[in-house]
N, C-alpha and C. Protein backbone atom coordinates (compact mmCIF):
# COMPACT_ATOMS: atom_id res chain seq x y z
N UNK A 1 141.22 119.97 157.09
CA UNK A 1 140.65 118.73 156.58
C UNK A 1 139.16 118.70 156.83
N UNK A 2 138.39 118.16 155.87
CA UNK A 2 136.95 118.09 156.00
C UNK A 2 136.57 117.18 157.16
N UNK A 3 135.45 117.51 157.80
CA UNK A 3 134.99 116.73 158.94
C UNK A 3 134.53 115.34 158.52
N UNK A 4 133.96 115.22 157.36
CA UNK A 4 133.41 113.93 156.95
C UNK A 4 133.69 113.68 155.47
N UNK A 5 134.07 112.45 155.17
CA UNK A 5 134.34 112.05 153.79
C UNK A 5 133.13 111.29 153.27
N UNK A 6 132.59 111.76 152.16
CA UNK A 6 131.34 111.21 151.62
C UNK A 6 131.60 110.28 150.44
N UNK A 7 130.78 109.25 150.37
CA UNK A 7 130.65 108.44 149.17
C UNK A 7 129.19 108.51 148.76
N UNK A 8 128.91 108.93 147.55
CA UNK A 8 127.53 109.16 147.10
C UNK A 8 127.15 108.09 146.08
N UNK A 9 126.03 107.41 146.32
CA UNK A 9 125.52 106.39 145.41
C UNK A 9 124.34 106.97 144.64
N UNK A 10 124.38 106.86 143.31
CA UNK A 10 123.36 107.45 142.46
C UNK A 10 122.92 106.46 141.39
N UNK A 11 121.79 106.81 140.76
CA UNK A 11 121.32 106.05 139.61
C UNK A 11 120.87 106.93 138.46
N UNK A 12 120.69 108.23 138.73
CA UNK A 12 120.09 109.09 137.72
C UNK A 12 120.74 110.44 137.57
N UNK A 13 119.88 111.46 137.52
CA UNK A 13 120.36 112.80 137.14
C UNK A 13 121.22 113.47 138.19
N UNK A 14 121.09 113.05 139.47
CA UNK A 14 122.00 113.56 140.49
C UNK A 14 121.73 114.97 140.95
N UNK A 15 120.46 115.37 141.01
CA UNK A 15 120.17 116.73 141.45
C UNK A 15 120.47 116.92 142.94
N UNK A 16 120.23 115.90 143.75
CA UNK A 16 120.60 116.00 145.16
C UNK A 16 122.12 115.98 145.33
N UNK A 17 122.79 115.20 144.50
CA UNK A 17 124.25 115.25 144.48
C UNK A 17 124.72 116.66 144.20
N UNK A 18 124.11 117.32 143.23
CA UNK A 18 124.50 118.68 142.89
C UNK A 18 124.28 119.64 144.05
N UNK A 19 123.18 119.46 144.77
CA UNK A 19 122.91 120.34 145.92
C UNK A 19 123.97 120.16 146.99
N UNK A 20 124.47 118.95 147.15
CA UNK A 20 125.52 118.69 148.14
C UNK A 20 126.84 119.31 147.67
N UNK A 21 127.15 119.14 146.39
CA UNK A 21 128.35 119.76 145.83
C UNK A 21 128.30 121.28 146.01
N UNK A 22 127.16 121.86 145.69
CA UNK A 22 127.01 123.31 145.80
C UNK A 22 127.20 123.78 147.24
N UNK A 23 126.63 123.03 148.20
CA UNK A 23 126.76 123.40 149.60
C UNK A 23 128.21 123.33 150.07
N UNK A 24 128.93 122.32 149.60
CA UNK A 24 130.35 122.20 149.95
C UNK A 24 131.14 123.37 149.37
N UNK A 25 130.90 123.66 148.09
CA UNK A 25 131.67 124.73 147.44
C UNK A 25 131.32 126.11 147.98
N UNK A 26 130.12 126.25 148.54
CA UNK A 26 129.71 127.52 149.14
C UNK A 26 130.17 127.66 150.58
N UNK A 27 130.82 126.63 151.11
CA UNK A 27 131.30 126.68 152.48
C UNK A 27 130.22 126.43 153.52
N UNK A 28 129.09 125.92 153.10
CA UNK A 28 127.99 125.65 154.02
C UNK A 28 128.01 124.22 154.56
N UNK A 29 128.82 123.38 153.96
CA UNK A 29 128.89 121.97 154.34
C UNK A 29 130.34 121.55 154.49
N UNK A 30 130.69 121.13 155.69
CA UNK A 30 132.07 120.75 156.01
C UNK A 30 132.27 119.28 155.66
N UNK A 31 132.42 119.02 154.37
CA UNK A 31 132.54 117.65 153.89
C UNK A 31 133.31 117.63 152.58
N UNK A 32 133.73 116.43 152.21
CA UNK A 32 134.39 116.22 150.91
C UNK A 32 133.82 114.97 150.28
N UNK A 33 133.44 115.06 149.01
CA UNK A 33 132.96 113.88 148.29
C UNK A 33 134.17 113.18 147.70
N UNK A 34 134.44 111.98 148.21
CA UNK A 34 135.61 111.24 147.73
C UNK A 34 135.31 110.47 146.47
N UNK A 35 134.07 109.97 146.33
CA UNK A 35 133.73 109.15 145.17
C UNK A 35 132.22 109.15 144.97
N UNK A 36 131.82 109.09 143.71
CA UNK A 36 130.41 108.92 143.34
C UNK A 36 130.31 107.60 142.59
N UNK A 37 129.45 106.71 143.07
CA UNK A 37 129.27 105.38 142.48
C UNK A 37 127.88 105.28 141.88
N UNK A 38 127.81 104.76 140.67
CA UNK A 38 126.51 104.60 140.00
C UNK A 38 126.34 103.17 139.49
N UNK A 39 125.10 102.70 139.54
CA UNK A 39 124.76 101.41 138.94
C UNK A 39 124.23 101.59 137.51
N UNK A 40 124.22 102.85 137.03
CA UNK A 40 123.75 103.16 135.67
C UNK A 40 124.85 103.94 134.95
N UNK A 41 125.31 103.39 133.83
CA UNK A 41 126.38 104.04 133.07
C UNK A 41 125.96 105.41 132.56
N UNK A 42 124.67 105.55 132.18
CA UNK A 42 124.19 106.79 131.59
C UNK A 42 123.72 107.82 132.61
N UNK A 43 123.89 107.54 133.89
CA UNK A 43 123.44 108.47 134.93
C UNK A 43 124.12 109.82 134.76
N UNK A 44 123.31 110.88 134.63
CA UNK A 44 123.87 112.22 134.41
C UNK A 44 124.64 112.71 135.64
N UNK A 45 124.31 112.15 136.79
CA UNK A 45 125.04 112.52 138.00
C UNK A 45 126.53 112.25 137.90
N UNK A 46 126.92 111.26 137.11
CA UNK A 46 128.35 110.98 136.92
C UNK A 46 129.03 112.16 136.24
N UNK A 47 128.35 112.74 135.25
CA UNK A 47 128.91 113.91 134.57
C UNK A 47 128.97 115.11 135.51
N UNK A 48 127.95 115.27 136.34
CA UNK A 48 127.98 116.36 137.33
C UNK A 48 129.23 116.22 138.21
N UNK A 49 129.49 115.00 138.69
CA UNK A 49 130.64 114.79 139.57
C UNK A 49 131.95 115.08 138.84
N UNK A 50 132.08 114.55 137.63
CA UNK A 50 133.32 114.75 136.88
C UNK A 50 133.59 116.23 136.63
N UNK A 51 132.53 116.99 136.38
CA UNK A 51 132.71 118.42 136.09
C UNK A 51 133.23 119.18 137.30
N UNK A 52 133.14 118.55 138.47
CA UNK A 52 133.66 119.18 139.70
C UNK A 52 134.92 118.46 140.19
N UNK A 53 135.50 117.63 139.33
CA UNK A 53 136.74 116.96 139.68
C UNK A 53 136.60 115.84 140.69
N UNK A 54 135.42 115.26 140.78
CA UNK A 54 135.15 114.20 141.75
C UNK A 54 135.31 112.85 141.07
N UNK A 55 135.96 111.93 141.73
CA UNK A 55 136.16 110.57 141.22
C UNK A 55 134.81 109.87 141.03
N UNK A 56 134.64 109.19 139.90
CA UNK A 56 133.41 108.46 139.64
C UNK A 56 133.71 107.00 139.33
N UNK A 57 132.77 106.13 139.70
CA UNK A 57 132.90 104.69 139.43
C UNK A 57 131.55 104.16 138.98
N UNK A 58 131.55 103.45 137.85
CA UNK A 58 130.36 102.75 137.39
C UNK A 58 130.56 101.27 137.65
N UNK A 59 129.63 100.67 138.39
CA UNK A 59 129.65 99.23 138.62
C UNK A 59 128.42 98.63 137.96
N UNK A 60 128.63 97.76 137.00
CA UNK A 60 127.54 97.20 136.21
C UNK A 60 126.90 96.01 136.93
N UNK A 61 125.62 96.15 137.35
CA UNK A 61 124.96 95.03 138.04
C UNK A 61 124.88 93.76 137.19
N UNK A 62 124.87 93.91 135.86
CA UNK A 62 124.77 92.75 134.99
C UNK A 62 125.96 91.79 135.18
N UNK A 63 127.09 92.35 135.55
CA UNK A 63 128.30 91.53 135.74
C UNK A 63 128.12 90.54 136.88
N UNK A 64 127.23 90.86 137.83
CA UNK A 64 127.06 90.04 139.02
C UNK A 64 125.84 89.14 138.97
N UNK A 65 125.05 89.24 137.92
CA UNK A 65 123.77 88.52 137.85
C UNK A 65 123.93 87.02 137.90
N UNK A 66 124.97 86.48 137.32
CA UNK A 66 125.14 85.04 137.29
C UNK A 66 125.74 84.48 138.57
N UNK A 67 126.12 85.34 139.49
CA UNK A 67 126.78 84.88 140.70
C UNK A 67 125.75 84.54 141.78
N UNK A 68 126.10 83.59 142.67
CA UNK A 68 125.22 83.34 143.82
C UNK A 68 125.10 84.60 144.66
N UNK A 69 123.89 84.84 145.19
CA UNK A 69 123.66 86.05 146.00
C UNK A 69 124.16 87.29 145.27
N UNK A 70 123.65 87.49 144.08
CA UNK A 70 124.18 88.53 143.19
C UNK A 70 124.05 89.93 143.78
N UNK A 71 122.97 90.20 144.49
CA UNK A 71 122.81 91.54 145.08
C UNK A 71 123.88 91.78 146.15
N UNK A 72 124.13 90.77 146.96
CA UNK A 72 125.17 90.90 147.98
C UNK A 72 126.55 91.02 147.34
N UNK A 73 126.78 90.25 146.27
CA UNK A 73 128.07 90.32 145.57
C UNK A 73 128.30 91.71 145.01
N UNK A 74 127.23 92.31 144.50
CA UNK A 74 127.34 93.67 143.97
C UNK A 74 127.70 94.64 145.09
N UNK A 75 127.06 94.50 146.24
CA UNK A 75 127.32 95.42 147.34
C UNK A 75 128.71 95.22 147.93
N UNK A 76 129.25 94.01 147.82
CA UNK A 76 130.64 93.80 148.23
C UNK A 76 131.57 94.65 147.36
N UNK A 77 131.27 94.70 146.06
CA UNK A 77 132.07 95.53 145.15
C UNK A 77 131.94 97.00 145.48
N UNK A 78 130.71 97.43 145.79
CA UNK A 78 130.49 98.83 146.20
C UNK A 78 131.27 99.12 147.47
N UNK A 79 131.18 98.22 148.43
CA UNK A 79 131.86 98.42 149.70
C UNK A 79 133.37 98.53 149.50
N UNK A 80 133.92 97.73 148.61
CA UNK A 80 135.35 97.81 148.33
C UNK A 80 135.74 99.19 147.83
N UNK A 81 134.92 99.76 146.95
CA UNK A 81 135.19 101.12 146.44
C UNK A 81 135.14 102.13 147.57
N UNK A 82 134.13 102.03 148.43
CA UNK A 82 133.98 102.97 149.53
C UNK A 82 135.16 102.89 150.50
N UNK A 83 135.62 101.68 150.75
CA UNK A 83 136.75 101.51 151.66
C UNK A 83 138.03 102.08 151.08
N UNK A 84 138.25 101.84 149.79
CA UNK A 84 139.45 102.36 149.13
C UNK A 84 139.53 103.87 149.25
N UNK A 85 138.36 104.52 149.24
CA UNK A 85 138.32 105.98 149.30
C UNK A 85 138.07 106.51 150.71
N UNK A 86 138.20 105.64 151.71
CA UNK A 86 138.08 106.04 153.13
C UNK A 86 136.79 106.79 153.42
N UNK A 87 135.69 106.30 152.86
CA UNK A 87 134.40 106.96 153.04
C UNK A 87 133.90 106.76 154.47
N UNK A 88 133.50 107.87 155.09
CA UNK A 88 132.98 107.81 156.45
C UNK A 88 131.47 107.84 156.51
N UNK A 89 130.83 108.46 155.51
CA UNK A 89 129.37 108.57 155.47
C UNK A 89 128.91 108.32 154.05
N UNK A 90 127.98 107.36 153.91
CA UNK A 90 127.44 107.02 152.59
C UNK A 90 126.14 107.78 152.39
N UNK A 91 126.01 108.40 151.21
CA UNK A 91 124.83 109.18 150.87
C UNK A 91 124.11 108.51 149.70
N UNK A 92 122.87 108.10 149.92
CA UNK A 92 122.04 107.55 148.85
C UNK A 92 121.27 108.72 148.24
N UNK A 93 121.55 109.00 146.98
CA UNK A 93 120.95 110.16 146.32
C UNK A 93 120.31 109.72 145.01
N UNK A 94 119.06 109.28 145.11
CA UNK A 94 118.40 108.76 143.92
C UNK A 94 119.00 107.44 143.49
N UNK A 95 119.39 106.63 144.46
CA UNK A 95 120.00 105.33 144.19
C UNK A 95 118.89 104.29 144.12
N UNK A 96 118.64 103.76 142.93
CA UNK A 96 117.48 102.91 142.69
C UNK A 96 117.81 101.42 142.80
N UNK A 97 118.55 101.09 143.85
CA UNK A 97 118.82 99.69 144.17
C UNK A 97 118.57 99.48 145.66
N UNK A 98 117.99 98.35 145.99
CA UNK A 98 117.82 98.03 147.41
C UNK A 98 119.18 97.66 147.98
N UNK A 99 119.57 98.32 149.03
CA UNK A 99 120.87 98.10 149.65
C UNK A 99 120.77 96.88 150.58
N UNK A 100 121.72 95.97 150.44
CA UNK A 100 121.70 94.74 151.24
C UNK A 100 122.43 94.94 152.57
N UNK A 101 122.31 93.96 153.48
CA UNK A 101 123.02 94.05 154.75
C UNK A 101 124.53 94.18 154.62
N UNK A 102 125.08 93.79 153.47
CA UNK A 102 126.53 93.94 153.26
C UNK A 102 126.94 95.39 153.50
N UNK A 103 126.18 96.33 152.93
CA UNK A 103 126.47 97.75 153.11
C UNK A 103 125.87 98.30 154.40
N UNK A 104 124.63 97.87 154.69
CA UNK A 104 123.94 98.38 155.89
C UNK A 104 124.77 98.11 157.14
N UNK A 105 125.27 96.87 157.26
CA UNK A 105 126.04 96.51 158.46
C UNK A 105 127.38 97.24 158.51
N UNK A 106 128.02 97.37 157.36
CA UNK A 106 129.32 98.04 157.32
C UNK A 106 129.21 99.52 157.66
N UNK A 107 128.08 100.12 157.31
CA UNK A 107 127.89 101.55 157.54
C UNK A 107 126.67 101.83 158.42
N UNK A 108 126.47 100.99 159.42
CA UNK A 108 125.35 101.20 160.34
C UNK A 108 125.48 102.56 161.03
N UNK A 109 124.41 103.36 160.92
CA UNK A 109 124.45 104.70 161.50
C UNK A 109 125.31 105.68 160.72
N UNK A 110 125.77 105.24 159.55
CA UNK A 110 126.65 106.09 158.72
C UNK A 110 126.22 106.05 157.26
N UNK A 111 124.92 105.85 157.04
CA UNK A 111 124.37 105.84 155.69
C UNK A 111 123.05 106.58 155.71
N UNK A 112 122.93 107.60 154.87
CA UNK A 112 121.72 108.41 154.81
C UNK A 112 120.98 108.22 153.49
N UNK A 113 119.67 108.38 153.58
CA UNK A 113 118.82 108.35 152.39
C UNK A 113 117.83 109.50 152.46
N UNK A 114 117.32 109.92 151.32
CA UNK A 114 116.26 110.93 151.30
C UNK A 114 115.09 110.36 150.52
N UNK A 115 113.87 110.63 151.04
CA UNK A 115 112.66 110.07 150.45
C UNK A 115 111.63 111.18 150.26
N UNK A 116 110.91 111.20 149.12
CA UNK A 116 109.98 112.30 148.83
C UNK A 116 108.61 112.14 149.47
N UNK A 117 108.59 111.95 150.78
CA UNK A 117 107.34 111.99 151.55
C UNK A 117 107.69 112.23 153.00
N UNK A 118 106.67 112.50 153.80
CA UNK A 118 106.86 112.63 155.23
C UNK A 118 106.70 111.24 155.84
N UNK A 119 107.81 110.52 155.89
CA UNK A 119 107.76 109.18 156.47
C UNK A 119 107.28 109.23 157.91
N UNK A 120 106.55 108.21 158.38
CA UNK A 120 106.37 106.90 157.75
C UNK A 120 105.26 106.82 156.69
N UNK A 121 104.66 107.95 156.33
CA UNK A 121 103.65 107.92 155.26
C UNK A 121 104.30 107.73 153.90
N UNK A 122 103.68 106.93 153.07
CA UNK A 122 104.03 106.76 151.65
C UNK A 122 105.48 106.35 151.42
N UNK A 123 105.90 105.23 152.00
CA UNK A 123 107.23 104.71 151.69
C UNK A 123 107.24 104.04 150.32
N UNK A 124 108.42 103.68 149.85
CA UNK A 124 108.53 102.96 148.60
C UNK A 124 108.44 103.84 147.38
N UNK A 125 108.10 103.22 146.25
CA UNK A 125 108.08 103.92 144.97
C UNK A 125 106.86 104.81 144.83
N UNK A 126 106.98 105.81 143.94
CA UNK A 126 105.87 106.69 143.56
C UNK A 126 105.22 107.35 144.77
N UNK A 127 106.03 107.85 145.67
CA UNK A 127 105.50 108.47 146.89
C UNK A 127 104.63 109.69 146.59
N UNK A 128 105.02 110.46 145.57
CA UNK A 128 104.24 111.64 145.23
C UNK A 128 102.86 111.26 144.71
N UNK A 129 102.81 110.22 143.87
CA UNK A 129 101.52 109.74 143.37
C UNK A 129 100.68 109.17 144.51
N UNK A 130 101.31 108.51 145.44
CA UNK A 130 100.59 107.99 146.60
C UNK A 130 99.93 109.13 147.37
N UNK A 131 100.67 110.21 147.56
CA UNK A 131 100.13 111.36 148.30
C UNK A 131 98.91 111.94 147.59
N UNK A 132 98.99 112.06 146.26
CA UNK A 132 97.86 112.58 145.49
C UNK A 132 96.68 111.62 145.53
N UNK A 133 96.95 110.33 145.42
CA UNK A 133 95.88 109.33 145.43
C UNK A 133 95.11 109.32 146.75
N UNK A 134 95.82 109.59 147.83
CA UNK A 134 95.19 109.58 149.15
C UNK A 134 94.60 110.94 149.52
N UNK A 135 94.76 111.91 148.65
CA UNK A 135 94.20 113.23 148.95
C UNK A 135 94.91 113.96 150.07
N UNK A 136 96.20 113.68 150.23
CA UNK A 136 96.97 114.35 151.29
C UNK A 136 97.00 115.85 151.04
N UNK A 137 96.88 116.62 152.11
CA UNK A 137 96.94 118.07 152.02
C UNK A 137 98.36 118.60 152.21
N UNK A 138 99.19 117.76 152.83
CA UNK A 138 100.60 118.11 153.07
C UNK A 138 101.45 116.89 152.74
N UNK A 139 102.52 117.11 152.02
CA UNK A 139 103.51 116.06 151.79
C UNK A 139 104.87 116.63 152.17
N UNK A 140 105.93 116.13 151.57
CA UNK A 140 107.24 116.67 151.90
C UNK A 140 108.34 115.68 151.63
N UNK A 141 109.42 115.78 152.40
CA UNK A 141 110.56 114.89 152.23
C UNK A 141 111.19 114.59 153.57
N UNK A 142 111.93 113.50 153.60
CA UNK A 142 112.52 112.99 154.84
C UNK A 142 113.94 112.52 154.59
N UNK A 143 114.88 113.00 155.40
CA UNK A 143 116.22 112.43 155.43
C UNK A 143 116.28 111.48 156.61
N UNK A 144 116.72 110.25 156.36
CA UNK A 144 116.77 109.26 157.44
C UNK A 144 118.01 108.40 157.30
N UNK A 145 118.38 107.75 158.38
CA UNK A 145 119.45 106.77 158.31
C UNK A 145 118.91 105.51 157.65
N UNK A 146 119.69 104.94 156.76
CA UNK A 146 119.26 103.74 156.04
C UNK A 146 119.39 102.50 156.91
N UNK A 147 118.35 101.65 156.86
CA UNK A 147 118.35 100.37 157.54
C UNK A 147 117.91 99.31 156.55
N UNK A 148 117.79 98.06 157.00
CA UNK A 148 117.37 96.99 156.10
C UNK A 148 115.95 97.18 155.60
N UNK A 149 115.08 97.75 156.41
CA UNK A 149 113.72 98.03 155.98
C UNK A 149 113.70 99.23 155.05
N UNK A 150 112.99 99.13 153.94
CA UNK A 150 112.95 100.20 152.96
C UNK A 150 112.23 101.42 153.54
N UNK A 151 112.94 102.55 153.59
CA UNK A 151 112.39 103.82 154.09
C UNK A 151 111.88 103.70 155.52
N UNK A 152 112.54 102.88 156.32
CA UNK A 152 112.11 102.67 157.70
C UNK A 152 113.10 103.18 158.74
N UNK A 153 114.23 103.73 158.32
CA UNK A 153 115.27 104.10 159.26
C UNK A 153 114.94 105.32 160.09
N UNK A 154 115.69 105.55 161.18
CA UNK A 154 115.45 106.70 162.06
C UNK A 154 115.51 108.02 161.29
N UNK A 155 114.52 108.87 161.56
CA UNK A 155 114.35 110.13 160.83
C UNK A 155 115.28 111.20 161.39
N UNK A 156 115.99 111.87 160.50
CA UNK A 156 116.92 112.94 160.87
C UNK A 156 116.26 114.30 160.71
N UNK A 157 115.81 114.61 159.50
CA UNK A 157 115.16 115.89 159.21
C UNK A 157 113.98 115.66 158.28
N UNK A 158 112.98 116.53 158.38
CA UNK A 158 111.86 116.52 157.46
C UNK A 158 111.50 117.95 157.06
N UNK A 159 110.89 118.08 155.90
CA UNK A 159 110.38 119.36 155.44
C UNK A 159 108.98 119.14 154.87
N UNK A 160 108.03 119.95 155.30
CA UNK A 160 106.65 119.84 154.83
C UNK A 160 106.45 120.69 153.58
N UNK A 161 105.65 120.16 152.66
CA UNK A 161 105.34 120.83 151.40
C UNK A 161 103.83 120.75 151.18
N UNK A 162 103.17 121.86 150.85
CA UNK A 162 101.72 121.80 150.63
C UNK A 162 101.37 121.03 149.36
N UNK A 163 100.22 120.39 149.40
CA UNK A 163 99.69 119.72 148.21
C UNK A 163 98.45 120.50 147.77
N UNK A 164 98.46 120.95 146.53
CA UNK A 164 97.34 121.73 146.01
C UNK A 164 96.40 120.84 145.21
N UNK A 165 95.13 121.25 145.14
CA UNK A 165 94.11 120.40 144.54
C UNK A 165 94.36 120.11 143.07
N UNK A 166 94.98 121.04 142.38
CA UNK A 166 95.21 120.84 140.94
C UNK A 166 96.62 120.33 140.64
N UNK A 167 97.32 119.85 141.66
CA UNK A 167 98.69 119.36 141.47
C UNK A 167 98.74 118.13 140.57
N UNK A 168 99.72 118.11 139.70
CA UNK A 168 100.11 116.88 139.01
C UNK A 168 101.28 116.27 139.78
N UNK A 169 101.64 115.05 139.43
CA UNK A 169 102.81 114.43 140.05
C UNK A 169 104.05 115.29 139.81
N UNK A 170 104.15 115.84 138.61
CA UNK A 170 105.31 116.67 138.28
C UNK A 170 105.34 117.94 139.13
N UNK A 171 104.17 118.56 139.34
CA UNK A 171 104.11 119.76 140.17
C UNK A 171 104.59 119.47 141.59
N UNK A 172 104.01 118.44 142.17
CA UNK A 172 104.35 118.10 143.56
C UNK A 172 105.79 117.64 143.68
N UNK A 173 106.25 116.86 142.72
CA UNK A 173 107.63 116.38 142.75
C UNK A 173 108.62 117.53 142.71
N UNK A 174 108.35 118.52 141.87
CA UNK A 174 109.24 119.66 141.76
C UNK A 174 109.29 120.47 143.05
N UNK A 175 108.13 120.63 143.70
CA UNK A 175 108.08 121.38 144.95
C UNK A 175 108.82 120.64 146.06
N UNK A 176 108.64 119.33 146.10
CA UNK A 176 109.33 118.53 147.10
C UNK A 176 110.84 118.54 146.86
N UNK A 177 111.24 118.47 145.59
CA UNK A 177 112.66 118.42 145.27
C UNK A 177 113.40 119.66 145.76
N UNK A 178 112.75 120.81 145.70
CA UNK A 178 113.36 122.03 146.21
C UNK A 178 113.70 121.89 147.69
N UNK A 179 112.80 121.27 148.45
CA UNK A 179 113.05 121.06 149.87
C UNK A 179 114.13 120.00 150.09
N UNK A 180 114.14 118.97 149.25
CA UNK A 180 115.19 117.95 149.35
C UNK A 180 116.57 118.59 149.23
N UNK A 181 116.70 119.49 148.26
CA UNK A 181 117.99 120.13 148.03
C UNK A 181 118.43 120.99 149.21
N UNK A 182 117.48 121.41 150.02
CA UNK A 182 117.80 122.22 151.20
C UNK A 182 118.16 121.36 152.40
N UNK A 183 117.35 120.33 152.68
CA UNK A 183 117.54 119.62 153.95
C UNK A 183 118.59 118.51 153.89
N UNK A 184 118.90 118.00 152.70
CA UNK A 184 119.92 116.94 152.65
C UNK A 184 121.29 117.47 153.07
N UNK A 185 121.76 118.58 152.49
CA UNK A 185 123.03 119.13 152.98
C UNK A 185 122.98 119.51 154.46
N UNK A 186 121.83 119.98 154.94
CA UNK A 186 121.69 120.32 156.36
C UNK A 186 121.88 119.10 157.24
N UNK A 187 121.30 117.98 156.84
CA UNK A 187 121.43 116.75 157.62
C UNK A 187 122.87 116.27 157.64
N UNK A 188 123.54 116.37 156.50
CA UNK A 188 124.95 115.95 156.43
C UNK A 188 125.82 116.84 157.31
N UNK A 189 125.51 118.13 157.33
CA UNK A 189 126.27 119.05 158.17
C UNK A 189 126.08 118.72 159.65
N UNK A 190 124.88 118.36 160.04
CA UNK A 190 124.64 117.95 161.43
C UNK A 190 125.50 116.74 161.79
N UNK A 191 125.61 115.81 160.85
CA UNK A 191 126.47 114.64 161.06
C UNK A 191 127.93 115.07 161.18
N UNK A 192 128.35 115.97 160.28
CA UNK A 192 129.73 116.44 160.30
C UNK A 192 130.07 117.12 161.63
N UNK A 193 129.09 117.78 162.21
CA UNK A 193 129.28 118.46 163.50
C UNK A 193 129.10 117.53 164.68
N UNK A 194 128.88 116.23 164.41
CA UNK A 194 128.69 115.21 165.46
C UNK A 194 127.52 115.56 166.37
N UNK A 195 126.44 116.04 165.76
CA UNK A 195 125.28 116.45 166.55
C UNK A 195 124.10 115.48 166.44
N UNK A 196 124.29 114.34 165.77
CA UNK A 196 123.22 113.37 165.61
C UNK A 196 123.47 112.15 166.49
N UNK A 197 122.48 111.83 167.32
CA UNK A 197 122.57 110.67 168.21
C UNK A 197 121.35 109.79 167.96
N UNK A 198 121.58 108.55 167.56
CA UNK A 198 120.49 107.61 167.32
C UNK A 198 120.11 106.94 168.63
N UNK A 199 118.83 107.06 168.99
CA UNK A 199 118.31 106.42 170.20
C UNK A 199 117.08 105.61 169.79
N UNK A 200 117.29 104.35 169.51
CA UNK A 200 116.18 103.52 169.03
C UNK A 200 115.70 103.99 167.67
N UNK A 201 114.41 104.32 167.59
CA UNK A 201 113.85 104.81 166.33
C UNK A 201 114.02 106.32 166.17
N UNK A 202 114.53 106.98 167.17
CA UNK A 202 114.64 108.43 167.13
C UNK A 202 116.07 108.90 166.92
N UNK A 203 116.18 110.07 166.29
CA UNK A 203 117.47 110.74 166.15
C UNK A 203 117.40 112.05 166.93
N UNK A 204 118.23 112.16 167.94
CA UNK A 204 118.32 113.39 168.72
C UNK A 204 119.35 114.32 168.07
N UNK A 205 118.97 115.60 167.92
CA UNK A 205 119.88 116.61 167.39
C UNK A 205 120.43 117.41 168.55
N UNK A 206 121.72 117.30 168.80
CA UNK A 206 122.35 118.00 169.90
C UNK A 206 122.49 119.49 169.60
N UNK A 207 122.52 120.33 170.63
CA UNK A 207 122.69 121.76 170.42
C UNK A 207 124.02 122.07 169.74
N UNK A 208 124.03 123.18 169.03
CA UNK A 208 125.24 123.65 168.36
C UNK A 208 126.11 124.36 169.37
N UNK A 209 127.18 123.70 169.79
CA UNK A 209 128.04 124.27 170.84
C UNK A 209 128.72 125.55 170.38
N UNK A 210 129.04 125.62 169.08
CA UNK A 210 129.78 126.77 168.57
C UNK A 210 128.97 128.06 168.66
N UNK A 211 127.63 127.94 168.67
CA UNK A 211 126.79 129.13 168.73
C UNK A 211 126.23 129.38 170.11
N UNK A 212 126.63 128.53 171.06
CA UNK A 212 126.12 128.67 172.44
C UNK A 212 126.79 129.83 173.14
């Protein structure tokens, strides 16, 4: 049996989802994706999941717009799906919705996100453009535990990526994405091996006992 059951939340093409699927199928990641949930019907990541026999669910945010506390109501629906599929770790993979405390509290310390910068630098949207605008010489990506603050959670892994003077946003984004595809499965594997300990703002990575 897999060490950890994943629920992946997406909004778009799902390239990080694909990297996780590939790592699982290659035997590099001891996990199983139980369900992929999207807030966008046209998200290509849904097709990626289906092609690998993974259950998919589309939840339309428009259905909840007229309800009081519509964002929380939406996350209650997401949480119900995750619970039905016995999800142990939630993976945000290009999920373009702010997650409310409904999910954060239910999966405290059990929800990961990846961001295309070396946090705490350049949080929020358009991180790659922010790096170029500020003349950063190094950028990268960060896997962190999700908290109520956007891109503020404890950092698990980071990868540095050089920024070249003639870079466009597309150039830098592509270079960062390659690193995202590498470190996201690595971070999930550390969780599966029970090697991540949250201590305040820090995440301690315990030694690998199997290789000791």
